[in-house]
């Protein structure tokens, strides 16, 4: 039996279109689909042909204490790129602040807050 493949993650965001636009710009992804979603919400699927993020906004957002220590919450998105320095320049050009840079075996990384509650780790294993 072949191993299962990761297909998508569904995240609740305040602005699916804006978040998708940033992800498309930074990571050369595309919007695969957008439209009405459960409970009168709206969803944008953004990613590649192999995998995507479903960016969901319910009709009514509920403020919650979003913290990586909460059980069942996403800690961060890990996004693999070939040209880490070029992607970081693009992230900064869009007005995001990068942090927690690290060089480690076998790669390098940095983080930024994609939205008020979604942290992204950008990593490269290229030299």
N, C-alpha and C. Protein backbone atom coordinates (compact mmCIF):
# COMPACT_ATOMS: atom_id res chain seq x y z
N UNK A 1 0.84 -1.18 0.00
CA UNK A 1 0.00 0.00 0.00
C UNK A 1 0.89 1.25 0.00
N UNK A 2 0.55 2.22 -0.85
CA UNK A 2 1.29 3.48 -0.89
C UNK A 2 0.95 4.33 0.33
N UNK A 3 1.90 5.16 0.78
CA UNK A 3 1.59 6.05 1.90
C UNK A 3 0.51 7.06 1.50
N UNK A 4 -0.27 7.47 2.47
CA UNK A 4 -1.28 8.51 2.23
C UNK A 4 -0.57 9.82 1.91
N UNK A 5 -1.25 10.68 1.19
CA UNK A 5 -0.68 11.96 0.80
C UNK A 5 -1.47 13.09 1.47
N UNK A 6 -0.76 14.07 1.97
CA UNK A 6 -1.39 15.24 2.55
C UNK A 6 -2.06 16.02 1.43
N UNK A 7 -3.37 16.32 1.56
CA UNK A 7 -4.10 17.01 0.49
C UNK A 7 -4.45 18.44 0.83
N UNK A 8 -5.03 18.69 2.02
CA UNK A 8 -5.37 20.07 2.37
C UNK A 8 -5.55 20.26 3.87
N UNK A 9 -5.51 21.53 4.26
CA UNK A 9 -5.85 21.95 5.61
C UNK A 9 -6.88 23.05 5.48
N UNK A 10 -7.88 23.05 6.34
CA UNK A 10 -8.91 24.07 6.32
C UNK A 10 -8.65 25.02 7.49
N UNK A 11 -8.42 26.30 7.18
CA UNK A 11 -8.13 27.31 8.20
C UNK A 11 -9.22 28.37 8.20
N UNK A 12 -9.61 28.82 9.36
CA UNK A 12 -10.56 29.92 9.46
C UNK A 12 -9.76 31.22 9.48
N UNK A 13 -10.09 32.13 8.57
CA UNK A 13 -9.39 33.41 8.43
C UNK A 13 -10.41 34.54 8.33
N UNK A 14 -9.95 35.77 8.54
CA UNK A 14 -10.86 36.91 8.46
C UNK A 14 -11.09 37.38 7.03
N UNK A 15 -10.11 37.15 6.14
CA UNK A 15 -10.23 37.61 4.75
C UNK A 15 -9.61 36.58 3.81
N UNK A 16 -10.39 35.60 3.37
CA UNK A 16 -9.84 34.53 2.52
C UNK A 16 -9.21 35.05 1.23
N UNK A 17 -9.82 36.04 0.58
CA UNK A 17 -9.28 36.54 -0.68
C UNK A 17 -7.93 37.21 -0.49
N UNK A 18 -7.80 38.05 0.54
CA UNK A 18 -6.54 38.73 0.80
C UNK A 18 -5.44 37.73 1.16
N UNK A 19 -5.77 36.77 2.01
CA UNK A 19 -4.79 35.76 2.41
C UNK A 19 -4.36 34.94 1.19
N UNK A 20 -5.30 34.56 0.33
CA UNK A 20 -4.98 33.82 -0.89
C UNK A 20 -4.08 34.64 -1.80
N UNK A 21 -4.37 35.93 -1.93
CA UNK A 21 -3.55 36.80 -2.78
C UNK A 21 -2.09 36.83 -2.32
N UNK A 22 -1.89 36.94 -1.01
CA UNK A 22 -0.52 36.94 -0.46
C UNK A 22 0.16 35.61 -0.74
N UNK A 23 -0.52 34.50 -0.50
CA UNK A 23 0.07 33.18 -0.71
C UNK A 23 0.41 32.95 -2.19
N UNK A 24 -0.45 33.39 -3.07
CA UNK A 24 -0.18 33.25 -4.51
C UNK A 24 1.06 34.05 -4.90
N UNK A 25 1.15 35.26 -4.40
CA UNK A 25 2.28 36.14 -4.72
C UNK A 25 3.60 35.56 -4.21
N UNK A 26 3.61 35.11 -2.97
CA UNK A 26 4.85 34.66 -2.35
C UNK A 26 5.31 33.28 -2.81
N UNK A 27 4.37 32.38 -3.06
CA UNK A 27 4.74 30.98 -3.26
C UNK A 27 4.37 30.42 -4.63
N UNK A 28 3.98 31.31 -5.55
CA UNK A 28 3.64 30.88 -6.91
C UNK A 28 2.51 29.84 -6.90
N UNK A 29 1.57 30.01 -5.98
CA UNK A 29 0.39 29.16 -5.92
C UNK A 29 -0.71 29.79 -6.76
N UNK A 30 -1.83 29.12 -6.84
CA UNK A 30 -2.98 29.68 -7.55
C UNK A 30 -4.27 29.31 -6.81
N UNK A 31 -5.31 30.09 -7.08
CA UNK A 31 -6.62 29.80 -6.51
C UNK A 31 -7.21 28.66 -7.33
N UNK A 32 -7.50 27.57 -6.65
CA UNK A 32 -8.08 26.39 -7.31
C UNK A 32 -9.59 26.48 -7.38
N UNK A 33 -10.19 27.14 -6.39
CA UNK A 33 -11.65 27.26 -6.33
C UNK A 33 -11.99 28.28 -5.27
N UNK A 34 -13.12 28.95 -5.42
CA UNK A 34 -13.66 29.80 -4.37
C UNK A 34 -15.17 29.81 -4.48
N UNK A 35 -15.84 29.99 -3.35
CA UNK A 35 -17.29 30.03 -3.40
C UNK A 35 -17.93 29.82 -2.05
N UNK A 36 -19.26 29.67 -2.07
CA UNK A 36 -20.02 29.49 -0.84
C UNK A 36 -19.56 28.24 -0.09
N UNK A 37 -19.63 28.34 1.24
CA UNK A 37 -19.21 27.22 2.08
C UNK A 37 -20.24 27.00 3.18
N UNK A 38 -19.99 26.01 4.01
CA UNK A 38 -20.96 25.62 5.03
C UNK A 38 -21.32 26.78 5.95
N UNK A 39 -22.50 26.72 6.48
CA UNK A 39 -23.02 27.71 7.42
C UNK A 39 -22.99 29.13 6.84
N UNK A 40 -23.30 29.24 5.55
CA UNK A 40 -23.36 30.53 4.85
C UNK A 40 -22.01 31.25 4.85
N UNK A 41 -20.94 30.48 4.88
CA UNK A 41 -19.59 31.05 4.84
C UNK A 41 -19.07 31.15 3.44
N UNK A 42 -17.77 31.42 3.33
CA UNK A 42 -17.09 31.59 2.06
C UNK A 42 -15.71 30.96 2.18
N UNK A 43 -15.27 30.25 1.14
CA UNK A 43 -13.98 29.56 1.16
C UNK A 43 -13.22 29.81 -0.12
N UNK A 44 -11.89 29.92 0.01
CA UNK A 44 -10.98 29.97 -1.13
C UNK A 44 -10.00 28.82 -0.97
N UNK A 45 -9.84 28.01 -2.01
CA UNK A 45 -8.83 26.95 -2.03
C UNK A 45 -7.63 27.48 -2.79
N UNK A 46 -6.47 27.55 -2.14
CA UNK A 46 -5.26 28.09 -2.75
C UNK A 46 -4.10 27.13 -2.52
N UNK A 47 -3.32 26.90 -3.59
CA UNK A 47 -2.18 25.99 -3.47
C UNK A 47 -1.68 25.56 -4.82
N UNK A 48 -1.27 24.31 -4.88
CA UNK A 48 -0.76 23.72 -6.12
C UNK A 48 -1.74 22.64 -6.57
N UNK A 49 -1.39 21.93 -7.62
CA UNK A 49 -2.24 20.82 -8.06
C UNK A 49 -2.24 19.67 -7.05
N UNK A 50 -1.17 19.56 -6.26
CA UNK A 50 -1.03 18.43 -5.35
C UNK A 50 -1.67 18.65 -3.98
N UNK A 51 -1.66 19.90 -3.49
CA UNK A 51 -2.16 20.17 -2.14
C UNK A 51 -2.58 21.63 -2.05
N UNK A 52 -3.43 21.94 -1.06
CA UNK A 52 -3.92 23.31 -0.95
C UNK A 52 -4.34 23.64 0.48
N UNK A 53 -4.53 24.92 0.71
CA UNK A 53 -5.14 25.41 1.94
C UNK A 53 -6.56 25.84 1.61
N UNK A 54 -7.50 25.43 2.41
CA UNK A 54 -8.87 25.92 2.31
C UNK A 54 -8.98 27.07 3.31
N UNK A 55 -9.18 28.28 2.81
CA UNK A 55 -9.27 29.47 3.64
C UNK A 55 -10.74 29.80 3.82
N UNK A 56 -11.26 29.57 5.00
CA UNK A 56 -12.69 29.64 5.28
C UNK A 56 -13.02 30.83 6.17
N UNK A 57 -14.07 31.54 5.80
CA UNK A 57 -14.61 32.60 6.66
C UNK A 57 -16.08 32.29 6.89
N UNK A 58 -16.44 32.03 8.15
CA UNK A 58 -17.86 31.79 8.45
C UNK A 58 -18.64 33.10 8.34
N UNK A 59 -19.94 32.99 8.26
CA UNK A 59 -20.77 34.19 8.18
C UNK A 59 -20.52 35.10 9.38
N UNK A 60 -20.35 34.51 10.55
CA UNK A 60 -20.09 35.29 11.76
C UNK A 60 -18.82 34.75 12.41
N UNK A 61 -17.76 35.57 12.44
CA UNK A 61 -16.53 35.18 13.14
C UNK A 61 -16.74 35.29 14.63
N UNK A 62 -16.18 34.35 15.36
CA UNK A 62 -16.21 34.38 16.82
C UNK A 62 -14.79 34.65 17.30
N UNK A 63 -14.61 35.71 18.07
CA UNK A 63 -13.29 35.99 18.63
C UNK A 63 -12.92 34.87 19.59
N UNK A 64 -11.69 34.42 19.47
CA UNK A 64 -11.23 33.35 20.35
C UNK A 64 -9.78 33.61 20.71
N UNK A 65 -9.35 33.05 21.79
CA UNK A 65 -7.96 33.16 22.21
C UNK A 65 -7.14 32.18 21.37
N UNK A 66 -6.54 32.69 20.31
CA UNK A 66 -5.75 31.84 19.41
C UNK A 66 -4.33 31.77 19.94
N UNK A 67 -3.87 30.60 20.23
CA UNK A 67 -2.54 30.42 20.81
C UNK A 67 -2.07 29.02 20.43
N UNK A 68 -0.78 28.90 20.08
CA UNK A 68 -0.27 27.60 19.65
C UNK A 68 -0.29 26.56 20.76
N UNK A 69 -0.49 26.97 21.98
CA UNK A 69 -0.55 26.01 23.08
C UNK A 69 -1.93 25.41 23.26
N UNK A 70 -2.94 25.95 22.56
CA UNK A 70 -4.29 25.40 22.64
C UNK A 70 -4.37 24.08 21.88
N UNK A 71 -4.92 23.07 22.50
CA UNK A 71 -5.07 21.78 21.84
C UNK A 71 -5.96 21.92 20.61
N UNK A 72 -5.59 21.25 19.55
CA UNK A 72 -6.41 21.25 18.34
C UNK A 72 -6.18 22.44 17.43
N UNK A 73 -5.30 23.35 17.78
CA UNK A 73 -5.04 24.53 16.95
C UNK A 73 -3.78 24.29 16.12
N UNK A 74 -3.72 24.92 14.96
CA UNK A 74 -2.53 24.81 14.12
C UNK A 74 -1.43 25.67 14.74
N UNK A 75 -0.24 25.11 14.91
CA UNK A 75 0.90 25.85 15.46
C UNK A 75 1.44 26.80 14.39
N UNK A 76 1.77 26.28 13.23
CA UNK A 76 2.20 27.11 12.11
C UNK A 76 2.12 26.30 10.82
N UNK A 77 2.15 27.02 9.69
CA UNK A 77 2.23 26.38 8.38
C UNK A 77 3.70 26.28 8.00
N UNK A 78 4.15 25.14 7.58
CA UNK A 78 5.52 24.97 7.09
C UNK A 78 5.50 24.95 5.57
N UNK A 79 6.18 25.91 4.96
CA UNK A 79 6.16 26.03 3.51
C UNK A 79 7.58 25.90 2.98
N UNK A 80 7.81 24.91 2.14
CA UNK A 80 9.12 24.61 1.59
C UNK A 80 9.35 25.40 0.31
N UNK A 81 10.49 26.13 0.24
CA UNK A 81 10.85 26.90 -0.94
C UNK A 81 12.29 26.58 -1.34
N UNK A 82 12.63 26.91 -2.58
CA UNK A 82 14.00 26.72 -3.05
C UNK A 82 14.89 27.92 -2.76
N UNK A 83 14.32 29.13 -2.84
CA UNK A 83 15.11 30.35 -2.71
C UNK A 83 14.65 31.14 -1.49
N UNK A 84 15.15 30.76 -0.34
CA UNK A 84 14.70 31.34 0.92
C UNK A 84 14.92 32.85 0.97
N UNK A 85 16.10 33.32 0.57
CA UNK A 85 16.39 34.75 0.64
C UNK A 85 15.47 35.57 -0.25
N UNK A 86 15.17 35.08 -1.44
CA UNK A 86 14.27 35.79 -2.36
C UNK A 86 12.86 35.84 -1.79
N UNK A 87 12.41 34.76 -1.19
CA UNK A 87 11.07 34.73 -0.61
C UNK A 87 11.01 35.68 0.59
N UNK A 88 12.06 35.71 1.40
CA UNK A 88 12.04 36.62 2.55
C UNK A 88 11.97 38.07 2.08
N UNK A 89 12.70 38.42 1.04
CA UNK A 89 12.62 39.79 0.50
C UNK A 89 11.20 40.11 0.04
N UNK A 90 10.53 39.15 -0.58
CA UNK A 90 9.15 39.35 -1.04
C UNK A 90 8.20 39.50 0.15
N UNK A 91 8.41 38.72 1.19
CA UNK A 91 7.59 38.81 2.41
C UNK A 91 7.74 40.20 3.03
N UNK A 92 8.97 40.67 3.15
CA UNK A 92 9.23 41.99 3.72
C UNK A 92 8.64 43.09 2.84
N UNK A 93 8.76 42.94 1.52
CA UNK A 93 8.21 43.93 0.58
C UNK A 93 6.70 44.07 0.72
N UNK A 94 6.02 43.01 1.15
CA UNK A 94 4.57 43.08 1.37
C UNK A 94 4.22 43.66 2.74
N UNK A 95 5.22 44.03 3.52
CA UNK A 95 4.98 44.68 4.81
C UNK A 95 4.97 43.76 6.01
N UNK A 96 5.32 42.50 5.83
CA UNK A 96 5.37 41.57 6.95
C UNK A 96 6.72 41.66 7.64
N UNK A 97 6.75 41.39 8.93
CA UNK A 97 8.00 41.33 9.69
C UNK A 97 8.39 39.87 9.83
N UNK A 98 9.66 39.58 9.58
CA UNK A 98 10.15 38.21 9.73
C UNK A 98 10.87 38.07 11.07
N UNK A 99 10.90 36.84 11.58
CA UNK A 99 11.53 36.60 12.88
C UNK A 99 11.96 35.15 12.98
N UNK A 100 12.66 34.85 14.06
CA UNK A 100 13.09 33.49 14.40
C UNK A 100 13.84 32.82 13.25
N UNK A 101 14.81 33.54 12.71
CA UNK A 101 15.65 32.98 11.65
C UNK A 101 16.51 31.87 12.25
N UNK A 102 16.74 30.83 11.49
CA UNK A 102 17.56 29.75 11.99
C UNK A 102 18.25 28.98 10.89
N UNK A 103 19.49 28.66 11.14
CA UNK A 103 20.24 27.75 10.29
C UNK A 103 20.39 26.46 11.08
N UNK A 104 20.00 25.37 10.50
CA UNK A 104 20.08 24.09 11.20
C UNK A 104 20.26 23.01 10.15
N UNK A 105 20.77 21.88 10.55
CA UNK A 105 20.94 20.75 9.63
C UNK A 105 19.55 20.15 9.42
N UNK A 106 19.03 20.11 8.25
CA UNK A 106 19.69 20.29 6.95
C UNK A 106 19.31 21.58 6.22
N UNK A 107 18.79 22.61 6.89
CA UNK A 107 18.33 23.77 6.14
C UNK A 107 18.34 25.07 6.92
N UNK A 108 17.61 26.04 6.36
CA UNK A 108 17.46 27.37 6.97
C UNK A 108 15.98 27.72 6.99
N UNK A 109 15.62 28.66 7.88
CA UNK A 109 14.20 29.01 8.00
C UNK A 109 14.03 30.42 8.53
N UNK A 110 12.80 30.93 8.36
CA UNK A 110 12.34 32.13 9.05
C UNK A 110 10.83 32.02 9.21
N UNK A 111 10.29 32.86 10.05
CA UNK A 111 8.86 32.87 10.32
C UNK A 111 8.28 34.25 10.04
N UNK A 112 6.98 34.32 9.77
CA UNK A 112 6.24 35.57 9.73
C UNK A 112 4.78 35.28 10.03
N UNK A 113 4.05 36.30 10.45
CA UNK A 113 2.63 36.16 10.76
C UNK A 113 1.84 36.45 9.48
N UNK A 114 1.28 35.43 8.88
CA UNK A 114 0.49 35.56 7.66
C UNK A 114 -0.79 36.35 7.92
N UNK A 115 -1.35 36.17 9.09
CA UNK A 115 -2.52 36.93 9.52
C UNK A 115 -2.42 37.09 11.03
N UNK A 116 -3.43 37.67 11.64
CA UNK A 116 -3.38 37.90 13.08
C UNK A 116 -3.27 36.61 13.89
N UNK A 117 -3.61 35.48 13.30
CA UNK A 117 -3.58 34.25 14.07
C UNK A 117 -2.89 33.08 13.35
N UNK A 118 -2.28 33.34 12.20
CA UNK A 118 -1.65 32.25 11.45
C UNK A 118 -0.17 32.56 11.23
N UNK A 119 0.68 31.73 11.83
CA UNK A 119 2.12 31.87 11.69
C UNK A 119 2.59 30.96 10.56
N UNK A 120 3.51 31.47 9.74
CA UNK A 120 4.08 30.67 8.66
C UNK A 120 5.58 30.50 8.89
N UNK A 121 6.07 29.28 8.73
CA UNK A 121 7.49 28.99 8.72
C UNK A 121 7.87 28.73 7.28
N UNK A 122 8.85 29.48 6.78
CA UNK A 122 9.34 29.27 5.43
C UNK A 122 10.70 28.62 5.56
N UNK A 123 10.87 27.49 4.92
CA UNK A 123 12.08 26.68 5.10
C UNK A 123 12.64 26.30 3.74
N UNK A 124 13.97 26.19 3.69
CA UNK A 124 14.65 25.73 2.48
C UNK A 124 15.72 24.73 2.86
N UNK A 125 15.79 23.65 2.09
CA UNK A 125 16.84 22.66 2.29
C UNK A 125 17.88 22.76 1.19
N UNK A 126 17.78 23.83 0.36
CA UNK A 126 18.75 24.07 -0.71
C UNK A 126 19.95 24.79 -0.14
N UNK A 127 21.09 24.59 -0.75
CA UNK A 127 22.28 25.32 -0.29
C UNK A 127 22.35 26.68 -0.94
